[in-house]
């Protein structure tokens, strides 16, 4: 028993713990997700986060120790996002014909995401720093952190809000789309994907890509457009209001 404890202490203090645990947990969560026919509530990102967080809490492992190994996967986030450009390139003709409608939808969706977060936070009486951290919630976490820091929010809190927004969007989107009668034909898939990418950034785009190729392509487009618009317009808007 003493040997096992010593081995556990050795493993949990090294970078391999974060890397190995993340890969194993996500592979298992993805396998279960596939077995359940990609049920929204079985989202592998959600259950991986919950399981790893539980391990850290139960064992007392500090997050920096865990991230020392997990950062090797974190580095792959950039190339993964860039890879989303390929399905967009395959549909470049359709995007060229509908760029005005897509731009308007992106502006409307982004404005709705910002306004809903700010108004809800205001009604709850949240401090201004928290409100400003909620504003970029529908932008992918690294960009949300940068925007929050620029406008006076808390970057770490902005990342939490962004991840929660992505998870909620990925889990609830199917039921919302079905409720409003959005079809699953080629046009309907593009509408679902663009809406999901607008509201739930990278996590939503990953969910859309798993369900349908067209939905994934338009979700990736919406994600990219929101990153561009939010990084430019949110700081300008906050500065004007001030």
C-alpha atoms as a PDB file:
ATOM      1  CA  UNK A   1       0.000   0.000   0.000  1.00  0.00           C
ATOM      2  CA  UNK A   2       2.857   2.348   0.837  1.00  0.00           C
ATOM      3  CA  UNK A   3       4.439   1.669  -2.569  1.00  0.00           C
ATOM      4  CA  UNK A   4       1.146   2.525  -4.286  1.00  0.00           C
ATOM      5  CA  UNK A   5       0.890   5.828  -2.378  1.00  0.00           C
ATOM      6  CA  UNK A   6       4.454   6.731  -3.299  1.00  0.00           C
ATOM      7  CA  UNK A   7       3.771   5.906  -6.968  1.00  0.00           C
ATOM      8  CA  UNK A   8       0.595   8.034  -6.922  1.00  0.00           C
ATOM      9  CA  UNK A   9       2.438  10.982  -5.385  1.00  0.00           C
ATOM     10  CA  UNK A  10       5.165  10.674  -8.006  1.00  0.00           C
ATOM     11  CA  UNK A  11       2.719  10.526 -10.922  1.00  0.00           C
ATOM     12  CA  UNK A  12       0.530  13.410  -9.751  1.00  0.00           C
ATOM     13  CA  UNK A  13       3.466  15.788  -9.349  1.00  0.00           C
ATOM     14  CA  UNK A  14       4.756  15.272 -12.883  1.00  0.00           C
ATOM     15  CA  UNK A  15       3.495  16.735 -16.183  1.00  0.00           C
ATOM     16  CA  UNK A  16       2.515  13.305 -17.489  1.00  0.00           C
ATOM     17  CA  UNK A  17      -0.425  13.181 -15.070  1.00  0.00           C
ATOM     18  CA  UNK A  18      -2.250  16.091 -16.688  1.00  0.00           C
ATOM     19  CA  UNK A  19      -1.576  14.863 -20.210  1.00  0.00           C
ATOM     20  CA  UNK A  20      -2.446  11.214 -19.572  1.00  0.00           C
ATOM     21  CA  UNK A  21      -5.543  11.852 -17.486  1.00  0.00           C
ATOM     22  CA  UNK A  22      -6.953  14.324 -20.012  1.00  0.00           C
ATOM     23  CA  UNK A  23      -6.464  11.969 -22.963  1.00  0.00           C
ATOM     24  CA  UNK A  24      -7.868   8.930 -21.161  1.00  0.00           C
ATOM     25  CA  UNK A  25     -10.904  10.742 -19.761  1.00  0.00           C
ATOM     26  CA  UNK A  26     -11.780  12.376 -23.082  1.00  0.00           C
ATOM     27  CA  UNK A  27     -11.338   9.164 -25.107  1.00  0.00           C
ATOM     28  CA  UNK A  28     -13.670   7.336 -22.733  1.00  0.00           C
ATOM     29  CA  UNK A  29     -16.197  10.197 -22.776  1.00  0.00           C
ATOM     30  CA  UNK A  30     -16.073  10.291 -26.587  1.00  0.00           C
ATOM     31  CA  UNK A  31     -16.628   6.523 -26.785  1.00  0.00           C
ATOM     32  CA  UNK A  32     -19.683   6.778 -24.543  1.00  0.00           C
ATOM     33  CA  UNK A  33     -20.886   9.763 -26.571  1.00  0.00           C
ATOM     34  CA  UNK A  34     -20.671   7.706 -29.777  1.00  0.00           C
ATOM     35  CA  UNK A  35     -22.450   4.747 -28.192  1.00  0.00           C
ATOM     36  CA  UNK A  36     -25.311   7.059 -27.180  1.00  0.00           C
ATOM     37  CA  UNK A  37     -25.651   8.260 -30.800  1.00  0.00           C
ATOM     38  CA  UNK A  38     -24.257  11.731 -29.992  1.00  0.00           C
ATOM     39  CA  UNK A  39     -26.963  12.602 -27.476  1.00  0.00           C
ATOM     40  CA  UNK A  40     -26.533  16.314 -26.579  1.00  0.00           C
ATOM     41  CA  UNK A  41     -26.549  15.683 -22.818  1.00  0.00           C
ATOM     42  CA  UNK A  42     -23.630  13.226 -23.216  1.00  0.00           C
ATOM     43  CA  UNK A  43     -21.304  15.918 -24.602  1.00  0.00           C
ATOM     44  CA  UNK A  44     -17.748  14.612 -24.018  1.00  0.00           C
ATOM     45  CA  UNK A  45     -16.342  18.057 -23.203  1.00  0.00           C
ATOM     46  CA  UNK A  46     -18.884  18.524 -20.411  1.00  0.00           C
ATOM     47  CA  UNK A  47     -18.282  15.146 -18.792  1.00  0.00           C
ATOM     48  CA  UNK A  48     -14.513  15.381 -19.214  1.00  0.00           C
ATOM     49  CA  UNK A  49     -14.477  18.737 -17.423  1.00  0.00           C
ATOM     50  CA  UNK A  50     -16.686  17.436 -14.609  1.00  0.00           C
ATOM     51  CA  UNK A  51     -14.692  14.230 -14.166  1.00  0.00           C
ATOM     52  CA  UNK A  52     -11.260  15.852 -14.191  1.00  0.00           C
ATOM     53  CA  UNK A  53     -12.450  18.632 -11.863  1.00  0.00           C
ATOM     54  CA  UNK A  54     -13.746  15.954  -9.488  1.00  0.00           C
ATOM     55  CA  UNK A  55     -10.383  14.170  -9.559  1.00  0.00           C
ATOM     56  CA  UNK A  56      -8.531  17.395  -8.751  1.00  0.00           C
ATOM     57  CA  UNK A  57     -10.891  18.220  -5.892  1.00  0.00           C
ATOM     58  CA  UNK A  58     -10.837  14.739  -4.362  1.00  0.00           C
ATOM     59  CA  UNK A  59      -7.076  14.333  -4.584  1.00  0.00           C
ATOM     60  CA  UNK A  60      -6.146  17.909  -3.729  1.00  0.00           C
ATOM     61  CA  UNK A  61      -4.023  18.282  -6.855  1.00  0.00           C
ATOM     62  CA  UNK A  62      -3.459  21.946  -7.678  1.00  0.00           C
ATOM     63  CA  UNK A  63      -4.604  23.157 -11.090  1.00  0.00           C
ATOM     64  CA  UNK A  64      -1.145  24.488 -12.107  1.00  0.00           C
ATOM     65  CA  UNK A  65       0.281  20.988 -11.500  1.00  0.00           C
ATOM     66  CA  UNK A  66      -2.416  19.456 -13.696  1.00  0.00           C
ATOM     67  CA  UNK A  67      -2.055  22.081 -16.422  1.00  0.00           C
ATOM     68  CA  UNK A  68       1.711  21.544 -16.583  1.00  0.00           C
ATOM     69  CA  UNK A  69       0.891  18.395 -18.545  1.00  0.00           C
ATOM     70  CA  UNK A  70      -2.430  19.400 -20.100  1.00  0.00           C
ATOM     71  CA  UNK A  71      -0.836  22.432 -21.770  1.00  0.00           C
ATOM     72  CA  UNK A  72       0.586  20.116 -24.450  1.00  0.00           C
ATOM     73  CA  UNK A  73      -3.004  19.513 -25.592  1.00  0.00           C
ATOM     74  CA  UNK A  74      -3.875  23.168 -25.109  1.00  0.00           C
ATOM     75  CA  UNK A  75      -1.261  24.080 -27.732  1.00  0.00           C
ATOM     76  CA  UNK A  76      -3.219  22.054 -30.304  1.00  0.00           C
ATOM     77  CA  UNK A  77      -6.232  24.358 -29.933  1.00  0.00           C
ATOM     78  CA  UNK A  78      -4.794  26.805 -32.461  1.00  0.00           C
ATOM     79  CA  UNK A  79      -4.202  24.281 -35.270  1.00  0.00           C
ATOM     80  CA  UNK A  80      -7.609  22.717 -34.572  1.00  0.00           C
ATOM     81  CA  UNK A  81      -9.349  26.054 -35.098  1.00  0.00           C
ATOM     82  CA  UNK A  82      -7.360  26.722 -38.274  1.00  0.00           C
ATOM     83  CA  UNK A  83      -8.380  23.289 -39.585  1.00  0.00           C
ATOM     84  CA  UNK A  84     -12.004  24.430 -39.506  1.00  0.00           C
ATOM     85  CA  UNK A  85     -11.206  26.583 -42.552  1.00  0.00           C
ATOM     86  CA  UNK A  86     -11.187  23.519 -44.816  1.00  0.00           C
ATOM     87  CA  UNK A  87     -14.977  22.887 -44.815  1.00  0.00           C
ATOM     88  CA  UNK A  88     -15.468  26.615 -45.435  1.00  0.00           C
ATOM     89  CA  UNK A  89     -13.179  26.487 -48.459  1.00  0.00           C
ATOM     90  CA  UNK A  90     -15.211  23.592 -49.846  1.00  0.00           C
ATOM     91  CA  UNK A  91     -18.351  25.775 -49.677  1.00  0.00           C
ATOM     92  CA  UNK A  92     -16.782  29.038 -50.815  1.00  0.00           C
ATOM     93  CA  UNK A  93     -19.222  29.522 -53.726  1.00  0.00           C
ATOM     94  CA  UNK A  94     -22.282  29.373 -51.474  1.00  0.00           C
ATOM     95  CA  UNK A  95     -20.645  31.668 -48.917  1.00  0.00           C
ATOM     96  CA  UNK A  96     -19.799  34.206 -51.610  1.00  0.00           C
ATOM     97  CA  UNK A  97     -23.442  34.397 -52.696  1.00  0.00           C
ATOM     98  CA  UNK A  98     -24.828  34.808 -49.175  1.00  0.00           C
ATOM     99  CA  UNK A  99     -22.174  36.941 -47.453  1.00  0.00           C
ATOM    100  CA  UNK A 100     -24.533  39.879 -46.820  1.00  0.00           C
ATOM    101  CA  UNK A 101     -27.140  37.722 -45.103  1.00  0.00           C
ATOM    102  CA  UNK A 102     -24.477  35.920 -43.082  1.00  0.00           C
ATOM    103  CA  UNK A 103     -22.869  39.178 -41.956  1.00  0.00           C
ATOM    104  CA  UNK A 104     -26.229  40.581 -40.873  1.00  0.00           C
ATOM    105  CA  UNK A 105     -27.034  37.380 -38.988  1.00  0.00           C
ATOM    106  CA  UNK A 106     -23.647  37.499 -37.269  1.00  0.00           C
ATOM    107  CA  UNK A 107     -24.146  41.119 -36.194  1.00  0.00           C
ATOM    108  CA  UNK A 108     -27.665  40.423 -34.937  1.00  0.00           C
ATOM    109  CA  UNK A 109     -26.642  37.265 -33.119  1.00  0.00           C
ATOM    110  CA  UNK A 110     -23.609  38.862 -31.516  1.00  0.00           C
ATOM    111  CA  UNK A 111     -25.628  41.892 -30.406  1.00  0.00           C
ATOM    112  CA  UNK A 112     -28.299  39.627 -28.892  1.00  0.00           C
ATOM    113  CA  UNK A 113     -25.667  37.627 -26.995  1.00  0.00           C
ATOM    114  CA  UNK A 114     -24.078  40.761 -25.551  1.00  0.00           C
ATOM    115  CA  UNK A 115     -27.366  42.477 -24.689  1.00  0.00           C
ATOM    116  CA  UNK A 116     -28.861  39.392 -23.035  1.00  0.00           C
ATOM    117  CA  UNK A 117     -25.789  38.885 -20.847  1.00  0.00           C
ATOM    118  CA  UNK A 118     -25.602  42.528 -19.800  1.00  0.00           C
ATOM    119  CA  UNK A 119     -29.318  42.939 -19.116  1.00  0.00           C
ATOM    120  CA  UNK A 120     -29.560  39.688 -17.158  1.00  0.00           C
ATOM    121  CA  UNK A 121     -26.517  40.575 -15.084  1.00  0.00           C
ATOM    122  CA  UNK A 122     -27.886  44.056 -14.450  1.00  0.00           C
ATOM    123  CA  UNK A 123     -31.214  42.651 -13.246  1.00  0.00           C
ATOM    124  CA  UNK A 124     -29.328  40.350 -10.863  1.00  0.00           C
ATOM    125  CA  UNK A 125     -27.382  43.295  -9.477  1.00  0.00           C
ATOM    126  CA  UNK A 126     -23.954  41.989 -10.472  1.00  0.00           C
ATOM    127  CA  UNK A 127     -20.894  44.268 -10.133  1.00  0.00           C
ATOM    128  CA  UNK A 128     -19.723  46.080 -13.247  1.00  0.00           C
ATOM    129  CA  UNK A 129     -16.510  44.054 -13.476  1.00  0.00           C
ATOM    130  CA  UNK A 130     -18.581  40.844 -13.586  1.00  0.00           C
ATOM    131  CA  UNK A 131     -20.931  42.339 -16.174  1.00  0.00           C
ATOM    132  CA  UNK A 132     -18.000  43.267 -18.390  1.00  0.00           C
ATOM    133  CA  UNK A 133     -16.655  39.738 -17.982  1.00  0.00           C
ATOM    134  CA  UNK A 134     -19.994  38.344 -19.207  1.00  0.00           C
ATOM    135  CA  UNK A 135     -20.197  40.542 -22.307  1.00  0.00           C
ATOM    136  CA  UNK A 136     -17.867  38.426 -24.521  1.00  0.00           C
ATOM    137  CA  UNK A 137     -19.349  35.103 -23.312  1.00  0.00           C
ATOM    138  CA  UNK A 138     -20.265  33.952 -26.830  1.00  0.00           C
ATOM    139  CA  UNK A 139     -16.730  34.341 -28.151  1.00  0.00           C
ATOM    140  CA  UNK A 140     -14.204  31.532 -27.841  1.00  0.00           C
ATOM    141  CA  UNK A 141     -12.454  31.583 -24.459  1.00  0.00           C
ATOM    142  CA  UNK A 142      -8.970  32.925 -25.400  1.00  0.00           C
ATOM    143  CA  UNK A 143     -10.491  35.872 -27.273  1.00  0.00           C
ATOM    144  CA  UNK A 144     -13.088  36.438 -24.533  1.00  0.00           C
ATOM    145  CA  UNK A 145     -10.267  36.734 -21.997  1.00  0.00           C
ATOM    146  CA  UNK A 146      -8.453  39.312 -24.102  1.00  0.00           C
ATOM    147  CA  UNK A 147     -11.596  41.342 -24.737  1.00  0.00           C
ATOM    148  CA  UNK A 148     -12.572  41.249 -21.057  1.00  0.00           C
ATOM    149  CA  UNK A 149      -9.157  42.494 -19.999  1.00  0.00           C
ATOM    150  CA  UNK A 150      -9.330  45.314 -22.531  1.00  0.00           C
ATOM    151  CA  UNK A 151     -12.749  46.588 -21.383  1.00  0.00           C
ATOM    152  CA  UNK A 152     -12.158  46.241 -17.641  1.00  0.00           C
ATOM    153  CA  UNK A 153     -13.476  42.760 -16.935  1.00  0.00           C
ATOM    154  CA  UNK A 154     -11.804  39.776 -15.284  1.00  0.00           C
ATOM    155  CA  UNK A 155     -10.134  37.491 -17.869  1.00  0.00           C
ATOM    156  CA  UNK A 156     -10.371  34.305 -15.776  1.00  0.00           C
ATOM    157  CA  UNK A 157     -14.066  34.917 -15.130  1.00  0.00           C
ATOM    158  CA  UNK A 158     -14.649  35.651 -18.817  1.00  0.00           C
ATOM    159  CA  UNK A 159     -13.134  32.256 -19.671  1.00  0.00           C
ATOM    160  CA  UNK A 160     -15.508  30.541 -17.240  1.00  0.00           C
ATOM    161  CA  UNK A 161     -18.536  32.311 -18.743  1.00  0.00           C
ATOM    162  CA  UNK A 162     -17.366  31.435 -22.269  1.00  0.00           C
ATOM    163  CA  UNK A 163     -16.949  27.737 -21.467  1.00  0.00           C
ATOM    164  CA  UNK A 164     -20.320  27.577 -19.694  1.00  0.00           C
ATOM    165  CA  UNK A 165     -21.990  29.316 -22.641  1.00  0.00           C
ATOM    166  CA  UNK A 166     -20.451  26.870 -25.096  1.00  0.00           C
ATOM    167  CA  UNK A 167     -21.487  23.839 -23.071  1.00  0.00           C
ATOM    168  CA  UNK A 168     -25.040  25.078 -22.520  1.00  0.00           C
ATOM    169  CA  UNK A 169     -25.373  25.879 -26.216  1.00  0.00           C
ATOM    170  CA  UNK A 170     -24.007  22.521 -27.351  1.00  0.00           C
ATOM    171  CA  UNK A 171     -26.338  20.632 -25.003  1.00  0.00           C
ATOM    172  CA  UNK A 172     -29.554  22.604 -25.550  1.00  0.00           C
ATOM    173  CA  UNK A 173     -29.295  23.617 -29.222  1.00  0.00           C
ATOM    174  CA  UNK A 174     -30.931  20.520 -30.727  1.00  0.00           C
ATOM    175  CA  UNK A 175     -33.988  20.825 -28.504  1.00  0.00           C
ATOM    176  CA  UNK A 176     -34.322  24.549 -29.209  1.00  0.00           C
ATOM    177  CA  UNK A 177     -33.995  24.073 -32.974  1.00  0.00           C
ATOM    178  CA  UNK A 178     -36.545  21.256 -32.925  1.00  0.00           C
ATOM    179  CA  UNK A 179     -38.938  23.372 -30.854  1.00  0.00           C
ATOM    180  CA  UNK A 180     -38.817  26.190 -33.403  1.00  0.00           C
ATOM    181  CA  UNK A 181     -39.194  23.772 -36.309  1.00  0.00           C
ATOM    182  CA  UNK A 182     -35.838  24.376 -37.997  1.00  0.00           C
ATOM    183  CA  UNK A 183     -35.552  21.545 -40.512  1.00  0.00           C
ATOM    184  CA  UNK A 184     -32.703  19.116 -41.058  1.00  0.00           C
ATOM    185  CA  UNK A 185     -32.427  19.700 -44.810  1.00  0.00           C
ATOM    186  CA  UNK A 186     -29.325  21.396 -46.319  1.00  0.00           C
ATOM    187  CA  UNK A 187     -30.681  24.895 -45.616  1.00  0.00           C
ATOM    188  CA  UNK A 188     -31.801  23.933 -42.132  1.00  0.00           C
ATOM    189  CA  UNK A 189     -28.415  22.437 -41.268  1.00  0.00           C
ATOM    190  CA  UNK A 190     -26.654  25.614 -42.340  1.00  0.00           C
ATOM    191  CA  UNK A 191     -29.046  27.666 -40.203  1.00  0.00           C
ATOM    192  CA  UNK A 192     -28.538  25.410 -37.200  1.00  0.00           C
ATOM    193  CA  UNK A 193     -24.781  25.463 -37.582  1.00  0.00           C
ATOM    194  CA  UNK A 194     -24.484  29.217 -38.011  1.00  0.00           C
ATOM    195  CA  UNK A 195     -26.716  29.869 -35.004  1.00  0.00           C
ATOM    196  CA  UNK A 196     -24.784  27.404 -32.871  1.00  0.00           C
ATOM    197  CA  UNK A 197     -21.401  28.829 -33.841  1.00  0.00           C
ATOM    198  CA  UNK A 198     -22.654  32.354 -33.159  1.00  0.00           C
ATOM    199  CA  UNK A 199     -24.001  31.573 -29.696  1.00  0.00           C
ATOM    200  CA  UNK A 200     -21.693  28.794 -28.497  1.00  0.00           C
ATOM    201  CA  UNK A 201     -18.358  29.433 -30.307  1.00  0.00           C
ATOM    202  CA  UNK A 202     -15.858  26.533 -30.531  1.00  0.00           C
ATOM    203  CA  UNK A 203     -17.690  24.034 -28.340  1.00  0.00           C
ATOM    204  CA  UNK A 204     -20.852  24.600 -30.359  1.00  0.00           C
ATOM    205  CA  UNK A 205     -18.921  24.305 -33.627  1.00  0.00           C
ATOM    206  CA  UNK A 206     -17.442  20.989 -32.491  1.00  0.00           C
ATOM    207  CA  UNK A 207     -20.922  19.704 -31.685  1.00  0.00           C
ATOM    208  CA  UNK A 208     -22.249  20.860 -35.085  1.00  0.00           C
ATOM    209  CA  UNK A 209     -19.351  19.232 -36.917  1.00  0.00           C
ATOM    210  CA  UNK A 210     -20.084  15.904 -35.225  1.00  0.00           C
ATOM    211  CA  UNK A 211     -23.710  16.001 -36.323  1.00  0.00           C
ATOM    212  CA  UNK A 212     -23.563  17.295 -39.903  1.00  0.00           C
ATOM    213  CA  UNK A 213     -20.834  18.534 -42.260  1.00  0.00           C
ATOM    214  CA  UNK A 214     -22.822  21.572 -43.464  1.00  0.00           C
ATOM    215  CA  UNK A 215     -23.741  22.523 -39.905  1.00  0.00           C
ATOM    216  CA  UNK A 216     -20.099  22.243 -38.879  1.00  0.00           C
ATOM    217  CA  UNK A 217     -18.888  24.405 -41.759  1.00  0.00           C
ATOM    218  CA  UNK A 218     -21.333  27.220 -41.033  1.00  0.00           C
ATOM    219  CA  UNK A 219     -20.670  26.964 -37.297  1.00  0.00           C
ATOM    220  CA  UNK A 220     -16.956  27.419 -37.977  1.00  0.00           C
ATOM    221  CA  UNK A 221     -17.733  30.438 -40.133  1.00  0.00           C
ATOM    222  CA  UNK A 222     -19.920  31.953 -37.413  1.00  0.00           C
ATOM    223  CA  UNK A 223     -17.199  31.341 -34.838  1.00  0.00           C
ATOM    224  CA  UNK A 224     -14.595  33.127 -36.962  1.00  0.00           C
ATOM    225  CA  UNK A 225     -16.878  36.074 -37.728  1.00  0.00           C
ATOM    226  CA  UNK A 226     -17.830  36.492 -34.054  1.00  0.00           C
ATOM    227  CA  UNK A 227     -14.168  36.507 -33.022  1.00  0.00           C
ATOM    228  CA  UNK A 228     -13.434  39.249 -35.544  1.00  0.00           C
ATOM    229  CA  UNK A 229     -16.500  41.359 -34.763  1.00  0.00           C
ATOM    230  CA  UNK A 230     -16.265  40.997 -30.990  1.00  0.00           C
ATOM    231  CA  UNK A 231     -12.574  41.851 -30.785  1.00  0.00           C
ATOM    232  CA  UNK A 232     -13.187  45.069 -32.718  1.00  0.00           C
ATOM    233  CA  UNK A 233     -16.704  46.215 -31.830  1.00  0.00           C
ATOM    234  CA  UNK A 234     -17.020  45.343 -28.125  1.00  0.00           C
ATOM    235  CA  UNK A 235     -14.113  47.568 -26.970  1.00  0.00           C
ATOM    236  CA  UNK A 236     -15.337  50.386 -29.214  1.00  0.00           C
ATOM    237  CA  UNK A 237     -18.921  50.031 -27.931  1.00  0.00           C
ATOM    238  CA  UNK A 238     -17.846  50.018 -24.271  1.00  0.00           C
ATOM    239  CA  UNK A 239     -15.630  53.044 -24.831  1.00  0.00           C
ATOM    240  CA  UNK A 240     -18.498  54.974 -26.455  1.00  0.00           C
ATOM    241  CA  UNK A 241     -20.893  54.109 -23.598  1.00  0.00           C
ATOM    242  CA  UNK A 242     -18.340  55.287 -21.064  1.00  0.00           C
END
